[in-house]
Amino acid sequence: NGFKCHCMSESHQRQLLLASENPQQFMDYFSEEFRNDFLELLRRRFGTKRVHNNIVYNEYISHREHIHMNATQWETLTDFTKWLGREGLCKVDETPKGWYIQYIDRDPETIRRQQEQERKKKQDLDDEEKTAKFIEQQVRRGLEGKELEKPVYTELNRENEEEKVTFNLNKGASTSIAASSKTSSVLGPNALKMVEGAVKRKESAHSSGQSKEKKKKSALDEIMELEEEKKRTSRRDYWLQPEIVVKIVTKKLGEKYHKKKAVVKEVIDKYTAVVKMIDSGDKLKLDQTHLETVIPAPGKKVMVLNGGYRGNEGILESINEKRFSATIIIDSGPLKGRRVEDIQYEDISKLA
């Protein structure tokens, strides 16, 4: 032990001598290490969420091999926080409770995924506008097709003032016609014409009502079909689900985790997942932009992560490599047994 302490004492003295010769070089090195470790912890642990700087720093110094801030170019944590804001590495803001920081992810893969999500949002908005215009056109056509029928009144005349006028109030066209034939001699030709005209108006109104009903029904069917199609293609910008298998695509965690598979154990705030590595059993907290779905072999179980069938389990039937899509059979819920074609790779993932 004495020899060991002696050797460590001599090594420490040599490091002090080297540091005294060029102190700026050592400070720059320690500052860079402190900055990289701090930002890596912020990115991996909190992602792009807004968090108090003291929370991140306390977690950072809890590691035994951390670099102390006294060895860096920053005297206080506040100075370091302001520097992060000036350099554009984080969004910083001061509140009565202290300074808050928010990591800015400039990874090209993250930016590409964000642009893809924005494009899909815009496409969904365009589809909603088309649906609204279509419904408005159908309503306008329905209103234009409706024509209010006005009753036609005829004058009731009789040639002989002594004759009695009788009316048959029985319902039905045949009854009315029969009654009119019996009383035609009593009512005269004008009354007969009135009864025949009433029957014709009733028949024409009945036929026009049936045609309008058919027209209204067909338009309603079209709207319902359009709504069903919209629901089937509706998408969200988050897709994580528990107990699915995912692949880590970020390189920032090193080769140990890059392109390795893991199982999602918990979903936090829709966009963040706690995953457990399949090979090592390590647990990591990652943003969904650092993960991608896993497509199993045909016959294996999958979960639908986006679209109208989101949350349903299914069986992978086949894969279309040219279209990057698959065909599945829904295996849960009220839609069990339904065959869904051309579902994108990113909308399904293997179940653990």
Foldseek 3Di string as FASTA:
>chain_A
DVVVVVVVVVVVVVVVVVCVVPVVVQQVVLQVQQVVLLLVQCCFPPNQDKDALVVSVVVQVVDPPRRDPVSYPDDDSVSVQVVCCVVVQWDWDADPVGIITGGDDPPPLLVVLVVVQVVVVVVLVVLVVVLVVLVVVLVVVLVVLDDDDDDDDDDQDDDDPPFDDDDDPDDDLVVLLVVCVVCCVRRDDRVSVVSVVVSVVVVVVVVSVVVSVVSNVVSVVVSVVSVVVSQQAAWDSFFDDAQFKKAFCDCPVDPVRHRFIWGFHDDDPRFKTWTAGPPPRDTTIHGCSRIAAADDDFQAKKAFRTGNRHGFIWGWHAADPVLQATWTATCDDPRHRDIDGGHHRRGMHGGD
